[in-house]
Amino acid sequence: MLNELPRESDWRCFRADEDVLGREIFVSRWLDEGSHPRCEAAVAPDDRWVLSVSLRTARVRFKRGALTLVEGRMPPGMLHVTGPGQTLQADFVGPCDFLHFYLAADFVARRAADLSRPAESLHDLAMHDPLAAQLGRTLVGSDALCGRAYQEGVAETIFARLFMARPVRGTVNPLPKWRLRRVREFVAEHISERITLPELAAAAGLSRMHFAAQFRAASGLRPHHWVLQERVEFAKAAIAEENMPLAQVALCAGFQTQSHLSTVFKRFTGDTPGEWRRQHRPATAPRTRPAFRAGLELRPS
């Protein structure tokens, strides 16, 4: 490894030596394996934007003052941006793994001008980009390419994708909570079956076109990706809690084969199902069916 990625001893607190302060871009890692709920708060540097990238599924609530920005489960690749000088509060439940890219305000202003976009549009922006998780994971691990130039290249790529994305905002109303609840209930009841977009729309009582737009405005995720996330969460509970062959877990969670489960599971969690079982299964595993887990909610500012 060229340079080990700096670890944050406290959430969003980095070692501000002269080398770091002189960079336009630097990155650090917040890795917390705690299982208990905890609250954190941090103020972004006055001359820096902070781009947060989730590397594993985490249950989080981000708040700025009385405004809730993100609440629920953040899948790998979930991004959140904090503007210079802004205070962000975070409530964590369970383990989490985040990369924090600290971007100089001058750098962001130049890139915004290059793309003919207002930098202010980044404030409190939250969106999902699976490629961001894949790129972020190349910065961690025993074979990570953590040289400064590579770190900056990853940051610039994620930032450009973030700036050029067009998340659903303003013109589309998010799916009301009562409709979202009906969708969750439908998925919970049919988690082992094939679930189509028309079926989800029907459960919400909307046309397919209106449902897809409103669902993404409410959750930040496409319906298909959200259903995959729910299948993975169901599989995680079954793997940890039940004495069940992985092939059977795959079928119960709605995957076609064990190989399909393994591919999707590793993409979402960074671990194979077998690795997850070894890490999370209790000494005496209950044989009860795992409960359905609620999904992510984004609350637009």
Protein backbone atom coordinates (compact mmCIF):
# COMPACT_ATOMS: atom_id res chain seq x y z
CA MET A 1 0.00 0.00 0.00
CA LEU A 2 1.40 3.38 -0.98
CA ASN A 3 -0.17 5.38 1.85
CA GLU A 4 -2.63 4.09 4.41
CA LEU A 5 -5.88 6.03 4.34
CA PRO A 6 -6.14 8.22 7.48
CA ARG A 7 -8.67 7.05 10.07
CA GLU A 8 -10.84 9.54 11.93
CA SER A 9 -10.70 9.13 15.69
CA ASP A 10 -13.94 11.10 15.92
CA TRP A 11 -16.59 11.48 13.22
CA ARG A 12 -15.43 14.00 10.61
CA CYS A 13 -12.40 14.99 12.66
CA PHE A 14 -9.17 14.79 10.68
CA ARG A 15 -5.51 15.47 11.39
CA ALA A 16 -4.96 19.01 10.04
CA ASP A 17 -1.21 19.05 9.44
CA GLU A 18 0.42 21.36 6.90
CA ASP A 19 0.50 18.73 4.18
CA VAL A 20 -3.26 18.13 4.48
CA LEU A 21 -4.16 21.82 4.68
CA GLY A 22 -2.22 22.49 1.49
CA ARG A 23 -4.22 20.01 -0.61
CA GLU A 24 -7.30 20.79 -2.66
CA ILE A 25 -8.61 17.29 -1.96
CA PHE A 26 -7.96 14.87 0.85
CA VAL A 27 -9.87 11.89 2.20
CA SER A 28 -10.24 10.10 5.53
CA ARG A 29 -12.21 7.10 6.73
CA TRP A 30 -14.77 6.85 9.53
CA LEU A 31 -15.10 3.18 10.51
CA ASP A 32 -17.17 2.36 13.57
CA GLU A 33 -18.11 -1.23 14.43
CA GLY A 34 -20.26 -0.22 17.40
CA SER A 35 -23.71 -1.81 17.69
CA HIS A 36 -25.17 0.71 20.14
CA PRO A 37 -26.97 3.95 19.11
CA ARG A 38 -24.76 7.04 19.31
CA CYS A 39 -24.96 10.71 18.35
CA GLU A 40 -22.26 12.74 16.64
CA ALA A 41 -21.93 16.33 15.46
CA ALA A 42 -19.34 18.13 13.38
CA VAL A 43 -18.82 21.46 11.64
CA ALA A 44 -17.42 21.44 8.11
CA PRO A 45 -14.29 23.58 7.68
CA ASP A 46 -15.04 27.12 6.53
CA ASP A 47 -13.06 26.57 3.32
CA ARG A 48 -14.13 22.96 2.58
CA TRP A 49 -17.08 21.02 1.21
CA VAL A 50 -17.46 17.54 2.73
CA LEU A 51 -18.60 14.71 0.46
CA SER A 52 -19.62 11.60 2.39
CA VAL A 53 -19.70 8.16 0.73
CA SER A 54 -21.20 5.14 2.47
CA LEU A 55 -19.20 1.92 1.93
CA ARG A 56 -21.62 -0.41 3.72
CA THR A 57 -25.27 -0.43 4.65
CA ALA A 58 -25.81 1.73 7.72
CA ARG A 59 -28.78 3.04 9.66
CA VAL A 60 -28.30 6.79 9.97
CA ARG A 61 -30.15 10.03 10.53
CA PHE A 62 -28.50 13.23 9.31
CA LYS A 63 -29.88 16.52 10.62
CA ARG A 64 -29.01 20.17 10.19
CA GLY A 65 -30.66 22.08 13.00
CA ALA A 66 -34.29 20.98 13.16
CA LEU A 67 -34.26 19.76 9.54
CA THR A 68 -33.89 16.02 8.94
CA LEU A 69 -31.97 15.45 5.70
CA VAL A 70 -31.57 11.66 5.60
CA GLU A 71 -33.21 9.07 7.79
CA GLY A 72 -33.18 5.30 7.61
CA ARG A 73 -30.93 2.80 5.93
CA MET A 74 -28.12 4.17 3.75
CA PRO A 75 -26.97 1.57 1.19
CA PRO A 76 -23.41 1.44 -0.14
CA GLY A 77 -22.87 4.32 -2.54
CA MET A 78 -25.18 6.73 -0.74
CA LEU A 79 -23.72 10.24 -1.02
CA HIS A 80 -24.29 13.31 1.09
CA VAL A 81 -22.78 16.77 0.74
CA THR A 82 -22.21 19.32 3.50
CA GLY A 83 -21.35 22.90 2.62
CA PRO A 84 -18.52 24.96 4.15
CA GLY A 85 -19.08 25.96 7.76
CA GLN A 86 -22.28 23.92 8.09
CA THR A 87 -23.01 21.87 11.20
CA LEU A 88 -24.29 18.34 10.68
CA GLN A 89 -25.68 16.07 13.38
CA ALA A 90 -25.71 12.31 12.90
CA ASP A 91 -27.43 9.49 14.75
CA PHE A 92 -25.88 6.08 14.06
CA VAL A 93 -27.46 2.70 14.83
CA GLY A 94 -25.14 -0.24 14.28
CA PRO A 95 -21.83 -0.45 12.40
CA CYS A 96 -20.95 2.05 9.69
CA ASP A 97 -18.15 2.74 7.24
CA PHE A 98 -17.84 6.10 5.49
CA LEU A 99 -15.28 7.91 3.39
CA HIS A 100 -15.17 11.69 3.81
CA PHE A 101 -13.75 13.68 0.92
CA TYR A 102 -12.77 17.21 1.93
CA LEU A 103 -12.91 19.44 -1.16
CA ALA A 104 -11.47 22.96 -1.19
CA ALA A 105 -14.13 25.62 -1.83
CA ASP A 106 -12.03 27.05 -4.68
CA PHE A 107 -11.87 23.62 -6.31
CA VAL A 108 -15.66 23.20 -6.09
CA ALA A 109 -16.23 26.71 -7.47
CA ARG A 110 -13.98 26.01 -10.48
CA ARG A 111 -15.62 22.69 -11.26
CA ALA A 112 -19.05 24.25 -10.90
CA ALA A 113 -18.09 26.96 -13.39
CA ASP A 114 -16.67 24.36 -15.80
CA LEU A 115 -19.98 22.47 -15.69
CA SER A 116 -22.12 25.64 -15.76
CA ARG A 117 -23.78 24.62 -12.50
CA PRO A 118 -24.24 26.71 -9.36
CA ALA A 119 -22.14 25.36 -6.49
CA GLU A 120 -25.02 26.20 -4.13
CA SER A 121 -27.05 23.37 -5.66
CA LEU A 122 -24.81 20.92 -3.79
CA HIS A 123 -25.93 22.04 -0.33
CA ASP A 124 -27.47 19.10 1.58
CA LEU A 125 -27.61 17.04 -1.62
CA ALA A 126 -28.17 13.32 -1.05
CA MET A 127 -28.26 10.71 -3.79
CA HIS A 128 -27.30 7.13 -4.54
CA ASP A 129 -24.48 6.12 -6.89
CA PRO A 130 -23.38 2.44 -6.71
CA LEU A 131 -20.20 3.28 -8.64
CA ALA A 132 -19.16 5.63 -5.81
CA ALA A 133 -19.08 2.68 -3.41
CA GLN A 134 -17.02 0.62 -5.86
CA LEU A 135 -14.54 3.45 -6.34
CA GLY A 136 -14.41 4.13 -2.60
CA ARG A 137 -13.60 0.51 -1.82
CA THR A 138 -10.51 0.74 -4.03
CA LEU A 139 -9.12 3.15 -1.41
CA VAL A 140 -9.42 0.69 1.49
CA GLY A 141 -8.19 -2.82 2.10
CA SER A 142 -4.82 -4.53 2.03
CA ASP A 143 -4.34 -4.02 -1.71
CA ALA A 144 -5.71 -0.47 -1.90
CA LEU A 145 -4.07 2.05 -4.23
CA CYS A 146 -3.93 4.91 -1.74
CA GLY A 147 -1.43 7.22 -3.38
CA ARG A 148 -2.35 10.89 -3.28
CA ALA A 149 -2.90 11.16 -7.05
CA TYR A 150 -5.18 8.14 -7.03
CA GLN A 151 -7.21 9.48 -4.08
CA GLU A 152 -7.70 12.78 -5.89
CA GLY A 153 -8.71 10.98 -9.09
CA VAL A 154 -11.37 8.98 -7.26
CA ALA A 155 -12.66 12.12 -5.55
CA GLU A 156 -12.88 14.04 -8.82
CA THR A 157 -14.73 11.19 -10.52
CA ILE A 158 -17.31 10.85 -7.75
CA PHE A 159 -17.70 14.62 -7.54
CA ALA A 160 -18.24 14.98 -11.30
CA ARG A 161 -20.89 12.24 -11.28
CA LEU A 162 -22.59 13.91 -8.34
CA PHE A 163 -22.61 17.33 -10.00
CA MET A 164 -23.84 16.04 -13.35
CA ALA A 165 -26.61 13.88 -11.85
CA ARG A 166 -30.15 15.11 -11.94
CA PRO A 167 -31.84 13.85 -8.80
CA VAL A 168 -35.60 14.22 -8.63
CA ARG A 169 -36.35 17.48 -6.83
CA GLY A 170 -39.01 20.13 -6.54
CA THR A 171 -41.19 19.33 -9.57
CA VAL A 172 -42.08 15.83 -8.33
CA ASN A 173 -43.81 15.29 -5.02
CA PRO A 174 -42.36 12.45 -2.95
CA LEU A 175 -44.50 9.39 -2.42
CA PRO A 176 -46.73 9.97 0.64
CA LYS A 177 -45.83 7.94 3.70
CA TRP A 178 -49.10 5.96 3.65
CA ARG A 179 -48.45 4.86 0.07
CA LEU A 180 -44.83 4.03 0.91
CA ARG A 181 -46.07 1.93 3.83
CA ARG A 182 -48.33 -0.05 1.50
CA VAL A 183 -45.38 -0.72 -0.82
CA ARG A 184 -43.27 -1.94 2.09
CA GLU A 185 -46.04 -4.23 3.26
CA PHE A 186 -46.45 -5.66 -0.23
CA VAL A 187 -42.72 -6.36 -0.55
CA ALA A 188 -42.64 -7.92 2.92
CA GLU A 189 -45.44 -10.31 1.97
CA HIS A 190 -43.88 -11.24 -1.40
CA ILE A 191 -40.15 -11.08 -0.62
CA SER A 192 -39.57 -14.64 -1.90
CA GLU A 193 -41.34 -13.93 -5.21
CA ARG A 194 -40.57 -11.97 -8.36
CA ILE A 195 -41.71 -8.38 -7.84
CA THR A 196 -42.36 -6.13 -10.82
CA LEU A 197 -42.65 -2.36 -11.15
CA PRO A 198 -46.36 -2.55 -12.14
CA GLU A 199 -47.04 -4.60 -8.99
CA LEU A 200 -45.28 -2.01 -6.80
CA ALA A 201 -47.20 0.81 -8.50
CA ALA A 202 -50.48 -1.06 -7.99
CA ALA A 203 -49.67 -1.55 -4.29
CA ALA A 204 -49.18 2.22 -4.02
CA GLY A 205 -52.35 2.91 -6.00
CA LEU A 206 -50.55 4.84 -8.76
CA SER A 207 -49.68 4.46 -12.42
CA ARG A 208 -46.26 2.99 -13.14
CA MET A 209 -44.88 6.31 -14.42
CA HIS A 210 -46.09 8.40 -11.49
CA PHE A 211 -45.05 5.77 -8.96
CA ALA A 212 -41.44 5.50 -10.20
CA ALA A 213 -40.87 9.26 -10.05
CA GLN A 214 -42.54 9.76 -6.67
CA PHE A 215 -40.84 6.74 -5.16
CA ARG A 216 -37.39 7.98 -6.16
CA ALA A 217 -38.22 11.45 -4.83
CA ALA A 218 -39.16 9.89 -1.47
CA SER A 219 -36.37 7.32 -1.15
CA GLY A 220 -33.51 8.51 -3.35
CA LEU A 221 -33.47 5.04 -4.96
CA ARG A 222 -34.96 3.43 -8.03
CA PRO A 223 -37.70 0.91 -7.11
CA HIS A 224 -35.71 -2.05 -8.47
CA HIS A 225 -32.63 -1.13 -6.46
CA TRP A 226 -34.73 -0.63 -3.33
CA VAL A 227 -36.31 -4.09 -3.71
CA LEU A 228 -32.84 -5.62 -4.08
CA GLN A 229 -31.80 -3.80 -0.92
CA GLU A 230 -34.78 -5.26 0.95
CA ARG A 231 -33.95 -8.75 -0.30
CA VAL A 232 -30.38 -8.34 0.96
CA GLU A 233 -31.62 -7.12 4.36
CA PHE A 234 -33.94 -10.13 4.60
CA ALA A 235 -31.06 -12.43 3.66
CA LYS A 236 -28.76 -10.81 6.24
CA ALA A 237 -31.28 -11.51 9.00
CA ALA A 238 -31.84 -15.09 7.82
CA ILE A 239 -28.12 -15.80 7.50
CA ALA A 240 -27.39 -14.47 11.00
CA GLU A 241 -30.43 -15.86 12.80
CA GLU A 242 -31.46 -19.12 11.15
CA ASN A 243 -29.78 -22.49 10.71
CA MET A 244 -30.57 -22.54 7.01
CA PRO A 245 -28.45 -23.48 3.96
CA LEU A 246 -27.47 -20.48 1.89
CA ALA A 247 -29.25 -21.92 -1.15
CA GLN A 248 -32.48 -21.91 0.82
CA VAL A 249 -31.81 -18.38 2.11
CA ALA A 250 -31.44 -17.28 -1.51
CA LEU A 251 -34.83 -18.70 -2.48
CA CYS A 252 -36.58 -17.30 0.59
CA ALA A 253 -35.15 -13.84 -0.13
CA GLY A 254 -36.30 -13.96 -3.77
CA PHE A 255 -32.99 -14.66 -5.50
CA GLN A 256 -32.92 -17.17 -8.34
CA THR A 257 -29.84 -19.03 -7.14
CA GLN A 258 -27.26 -18.99 -4.37
CA SER A 259 -24.80 -17.51 -6.85
CA HIS A 260 -27.21 -14.66 -7.59
CA LEU A 261 -27.54 -14.01 -3.85
CA SER A 262 -23.76 -14.02 -3.40
CA THR A 263 -23.19 -11.55 -6.24
CA VAL A 264 -25.80 -9.04 -5.06
CA PHE A 265 -25.00 -9.54 -1.36
CA LYS A 266 -21.31 -8.77 -1.83
CA ARG A 267 -22.14 -5.70 -3.93
CA PHE A 268 -24.32 -4.29 -1.15
CA THR A 269 -22.33 -5.31 1.93
CA GLY A 270 -18.76 -5.89 0.75
CA ASP A 271 -18.89 -9.44 2.21
CA THR A 272 -20.01 -12.80 0.85
CA PRO A 273 -22.97 -14.48 2.60
CA GLY A 274 -20.57 -16.97 4.19
CA GLU A 275 -18.36 -14.20 5.54
CA TRP A 276 -21.41 -12.37 6.89
CA ARG A 277 -22.61 -15.52 8.68
CA ARG A 278 -19.23 -16.04 10.36
CA GLN A 279 -19.11 -12.41 11.51
CA HIS A 280 -22.70 -11.92 12.68
CA ARG A 281 -24.25 -15.22 13.62
CA PRO A 282 -24.78 -15.56 17.39
CA ALA A 283 -23.51 -18.61 19.25
CA THR A 284 -27.09 -19.91 19.61
CA ALA A 285 -29.09 -18.85 16.58
CA PRO A 286 -32.89 -18.70 16.94
CA ARG A 287 -34.88 -20.47 14.24
CA THR A 288 -37.53 -17.80 13.85
CA ARG A 289 -38.24 -16.17 10.49
CA PRO A 290 -36.46 -12.79 10.27
CA ALA A 291 -38.64 -9.72 10.41
CA PHE A 292 -38.98 -7.40 7.41
CA ARG A 293 -36.79 -4.33 7.66
CA ALA A 294 -38.03 -0.90 6.71
CA GLY A 295 -36.13 0.97 4.01
CA LEU A 296 -34.53 4.36 3.50
CA GLU A 297 -36.41 7.61 3.66
CA LEU A 298 -35.01 10.86 2.33
CA ARG A 299 -36.68 14.01 3.45
CA PRO A 300 -36.09 16.77 0.94
CA SER A 301 -35.09 20.15 2.25
